[in-house]
Amino acid sequence: MLRTVLQVAIVLLIALGAGAGSAWFALETTRSVGSVDIGAWTAFPRSGTRDADPYARARSARLGELALGQAEGIGFVADQDDTGAPLLRQCDYLVEGSVPPVRFFTLYAADPARRALSAPERFSSALHSQSLLWEQKQQLRISVSTSAHPGNWLALEGRGPMLLVLTLFDTPISTGGRVDEIALPRIRRMGCDA
C-alpha cells in the first residue's frame, strides 16, 4: 500500500514539475509556441487576434503589453544578432536592410523585461520611420551604440543584455501576407567594449 502511494506521489511530482517547467519556458523565452523567426527577429503574428493561443495571451499579460490587432501592425523582437550572439549594450551594431511596405515603424532598445532603455541626455532612445535618413533603394542603415555615429544612431548607455524591438504599423503583411516570407533588416555586430 505504501509503495503505491509513493509511486503515485512521484508521478504527480514529475507531472507537476514538467507542466510548470513547460509553461515557464513558453512564457519566458523569446522563441516559443506560435513564434515566427526571420533572421534574428521573432514575432508572434497571432498574439492580437482571436486565434491567439493561450501562451501568447499569457505572455502579453505577463509583460504588460498591449498586443496589436491584425489590422494594426506586427511587432518583432531580437535578442541576438545574425550570428546568434546575444545583443549587449556595450557592443556596437549595424541594423541594415529593407523594411516591408509599411505606413510607419519604430525601433527601440529594451531590457530583457521589454522596458525601453534610457539614452544619454539629449539623445533619443527610439527611432521612427519619419525621422530616419534613408539609403538608396529605401535601404536602412542604423547604428546602435553607446558612442555617437554619423547618420541614423540609436543611442544606448550602460552594459548588459538588451533586445531590439521593431514595430511595423499598418502593413499589408499583418493582414494577409505570409509573415515568414518577408525580409527584415540584418543585425551585425561591429565591435564590443571590453
Protein backbone atom coordinates (compact mmCIF):
# COMPACT_ATOMS: atom_id res chain seq x y z
CA MET A 1 0.00 0.00 0.00
CA LEU A 2 2.73 2.47 0.97
CA ARG A 3 4.62 1.60 -2.20
CA THR A 4 1.58 2.51 -4.37
CA VAL A 5 1.11 5.83 -2.56
CA LEU A 6 4.80 6.62 -3.03
CA GLN A 7 4.64 5.80 -6.75
CA VAL A 8 1.56 7.99 -7.23
CA ALA A 9 3.26 10.84 -5.35
CA ILE A 10 6.38 10.55 -7.54
CA VAL A 11 4.31 10.51 -10.74
CA LEU A 12 2.34 13.57 -9.58
CA LEU A 13 5.53 15.46 -8.70
CA ILE A 14 7.04 14.66 -12.10
CA ALA A 15 3.84 15.72 -13.89
CA LEU A 16 3.55 18.98 -11.93
CA GLY A 17 7.24 19.78 -12.43
CA ALA A 18 7.12 19.08 -16.16
CA GLY A 19 3.90 21.07 -16.58
CA ALA A 20 5.18 24.06 -14.64
CA GLY A 21 8.54 23.91 -16.44
CA SER A 22 6.98 23.82 -19.90
CA ALA A 23 4.64 26.72 -19.05
CA TRP A 24 7.57 28.77 -17.72
CA PHE A 25 9.58 28.01 -20.87
CA ALA A 26 6.68 29.03 -23.14
CA LEU A 27 6.20 32.33 -21.29
CA GLU A 28 9.80 33.34 -20.63
CA THR A 29 11.66 32.57 -23.85
CA THR A 30 11.70 34.88 -26.86
CA ARG A 31 11.15 31.98 -29.24
CA SER A 32 8.20 29.88 -28.24
CA VAL A 33 4.84 28.44 -29.24
CA GLY A 34 3.36 30.38 -32.17
CA SER A 35 6.50 32.39 -32.92
CA VAL A 36 7.86 33.12 -36.39
CA ASP A 37 11.62 33.67 -36.80
CA ILE A 38 13.01 35.84 -39.60
CA GLY A 39 16.77 36.11 -39.25
CA ALA A 40 17.45 37.45 -35.76
CA TRP A 41 13.87 38.76 -35.41
CA THR A 42 10.98 36.92 -33.74
CA ALA A 43 7.28 37.77 -33.99
CA PHE A 44 4.04 36.36 -32.68
CA PRO A 45 1.71 37.20 -35.58
CA ARG A 46 -1.43 35.85 -33.92
CA SER A 47 -0.95 37.45 -30.49
CA GLY A 48 -3.51 40.24 -31.04
CA THR A 49 -6.10 38.13 -32.85
CA ARG A 50 -8.93 35.82 -31.87
CA ASP A 51 -6.71 32.92 -32.95
CA ALA A 52 -4.08 33.74 -30.31
CA ASP A 53 -3.05 30.69 -28.33
CA PRO A 54 -3.27 30.80 -24.53
CA TYR A 55 0.52 31.11 -24.22
CA ALA A 56 0.58 34.22 -26.44
CA ARG A 57 -2.18 35.82 -24.37
CA ALA A 58 -0.43 34.92 -21.12
CA ARG A 59 2.90 36.26 -22.43
CA SER A 60 1.30 39.61 -23.36
CA ALA A 61 -0.42 39.85 -19.99
CA ARG A 62 2.76 38.95 -18.09
CA LEU A 63 4.82 41.56 -19.97
CA GLY A 64 2.08 44.19 -19.66
CA GLU A 65 1.96 44.59 -23.43
CA LEU A 66 -0.98 45.70 -25.48
CA ALA A 67 -0.91 43.31 -28.42
CA LEU A 68 -1.55 44.91 -31.79
CA GLY A 69 -4.61 43.73 -33.66
CA GLN A 70 -4.13 42.07 -37.02
CA ALA A 71 -5.12 45.23 -38.94
CA GLU A 72 -2.94 47.48 -36.77
CA GLY A 73 0.51 46.00 -37.24
CA ILE A 74 3.03 43.50 -36.01
CA GLY A 75 5.96 43.62 -33.59
CA PHE A 76 9.34 41.89 -33.92
CA VAL A 77 11.88 41.35 -31.14
CA ALA A 78 15.56 40.44 -31.50
CA ASP A 79 17.64 39.17 -28.59
CA GLN A 80 20.59 38.12 -30.76
CA ASP A 81 22.48 39.31 -33.81
CA ASP A 82 22.56 37.48 -37.13
CA THR A 83 25.33 35.16 -35.92
CA GLY A 84 23.29 34.07 -32.90
CA ALA A 85 25.36 36.01 -30.34
CA PRO A 86 23.29 37.77 -27.64
CA LEU A 87 22.73 41.52 -28.02
CA LEU A 88 24.76 43.50 -25.47
CA ARG A 89 24.63 47.25 -24.75
CA GLN A 90 28.43 47.51 -24.64
CA CYS A 91 28.65 46.36 -28.28
CA ASP A 92 28.16 48.34 -31.50
CA TYR A 93 25.63 47.02 -34.00
CA LEU A 94 24.58 47.93 -37.51
CA VAL A 95 20.94 47.35 -38.39
CA GLU A 96 20.73 47.43 -42.16
CA GLY A 97 18.49 46.26 -44.96
CA SER A 98 14.96 46.79 -46.11
CA VAL A 99 11.68 47.06 -44.26
CA PRO A 100 8.45 45.63 -45.72
CA PRO A 101 5.85 48.09 -47.07
CA VAL A 102 4.63 49.97 -44.02
CA ARG A 103 2.98 53.27 -43.16
CA PHE A 104 5.06 53.79 -40.03
CA PHE A 105 7.56 51.83 -37.90
CA THR A 106 9.50 52.25 -34.67
CA LEU A 107 12.78 50.78 -33.43
CA TYR A 108 13.95 50.93 -29.83
CA ALA A 109 16.25 49.08 -27.45
CA ALA A 110 14.79 47.38 -24.38
CA ASP A 111 15.97 45.39 -21.39
CA PRO A 112 15.10 41.67 -21.15
CA ALA A 113 11.80 42.61 -19.43
CA ARG A 114 10.99 44.72 -22.53
CA ARG A 115 11.20 48.07 -20.74
CA ALA A 116 12.65 50.74 -23.04
CA LEU A 117 16.26 51.57 -22.24
CA SER A 118 17.22 55.14 -21.50
CA ALA A 119 19.58 57.06 -23.75
CA PRO A 120 22.25 59.58 -22.83
CA GLU A 121 20.90 63.05 -22.09
CA ARG A 122 19.61 64.95 -25.19
CA PHE A 123 19.57 61.82 -27.35
CA SER A 124 16.69 59.66 -28.45
CA SER A 125 16.25 56.14 -27.13
CA ALA A 126 13.92 55.28 -30.02
CA LEU A 127 13.75 55.92 -33.75
CA HIS A 128 10.82 56.00 -36.14
CA SER A 129 10.47 55.87 -39.91
CA GLN A 130 9.70 59.58 -40.24
CA SER A 131 12.97 60.63 -38.57
CA LEU A 132 15.45 58.46 -40.48
CA LEU A 133 17.90 59.16 -43.26
CA TRP A 134 17.32 56.57 -45.97
CA GLU A 135 19.91 54.98 -48.23
CA GLN A 136 19.30 54.41 -51.93
CA LYS A 137 16.52 51.97 -52.84
CA GLN A 138 14.80 52.53 -49.48
CA GLN A 139 17.50 50.72 -47.51
CA LEU A 140 18.00 51.34 -43.79
CA ARG A 141 21.32 51.81 -42.05
CA ILE A 142 21.08 52.38 -38.29
CA SER A 143 23.99 52.32 -35.81
CA VAL A 144 23.07 51.01 -32.36
CA SER A 145 25.81 52.01 -29.95
CA THR A 146 26.88 53.78 -26.77
CA SER A 147 29.14 56.05 -28.86
CA ALA A 148 27.92 58.57 -31.43
CA HIS A 149 27.85 57.62 -35.12
CA PRO A 150 27.01 59.69 -38.20
CA GLY A 151 23.66 59.12 -39.86
CA ASN A 152 20.98 57.19 -38.03
CA TRP A 153 22.08 56.44 -34.47
CA LEU A 154 20.10 54.65 -31.78
CA ALA A 155 21.81 55.88 -28.62
CA LEU A 156 22.48 53.47 -25.77
CA GLU A 157 24.10 53.69 -22.36
CA GLY A 158 25.22 51.15 -19.81
CA ARG A 159 26.17 47.50 -20.06
CA GLY A 160 24.30 44.21 -20.11
CA PRO A 161 21.84 42.33 -22.28
CA MET A 162 19.28 44.08 -24.44
CA LEU A 163 16.58 43.49 -27.01
CA LEU A 164 15.80 45.40 -30.18
CA VAL A 165 12.08 45.92 -30.78
CA LEU A 166 10.85 46.72 -34.31
CA THR A 167 7.14 47.51 -34.64
CA LEU A 168 5.53 47.82 -38.07
CA PHE A 169 2.25 49.73 -38.15
CA ASP A 170 -0.38 49.48 -40.88
CA THR A 171 1.43 46.96 -43.04
CA PRO A 172 -0.11 44.50 -45.50
CA ILE A 173 1.89 41.60 -44.06
CA SER A 174 -0.07 41.73 -40.80
CA THR A 175 -3.43 41.43 -42.55
CA GLY A 176 -2.92 38.77 -45.15
CA GLY A 177 0.66 38.27 -46.24
CA ARG A 178 2.78 35.42 -45.01
CA VAL A 179 4.92 36.86 -42.25
CA ASP A 180 7.63 34.23 -42.63
CA GLU A 181 8.28 35.24 -46.28
CA ILE A 182 9.30 38.86 -45.66
CA ALA A 183 12.79 40.32 -45.37
CA LEU A 184 13.78 42.32 -42.30
CA PRO A 185 16.93 44.32 -41.57
CA ARG A 186 20.02 42.35 -40.57
CA ILE A 187 21.72 42.94 -37.22
CA ARG A 188 25.52 42.85 -37.46
CA ARG A 189 27.88 43.20 -34.51
CA MET A 190 30.59 45.72 -35.39
CA GLY A 191 32.63 45.50 -32.18
CA CYS A 192 32.48 45.45 -28.38
CA ASP A 193 33.96 47.37 -25.46
CA ALA A 194 35.96 45.09 -23.20
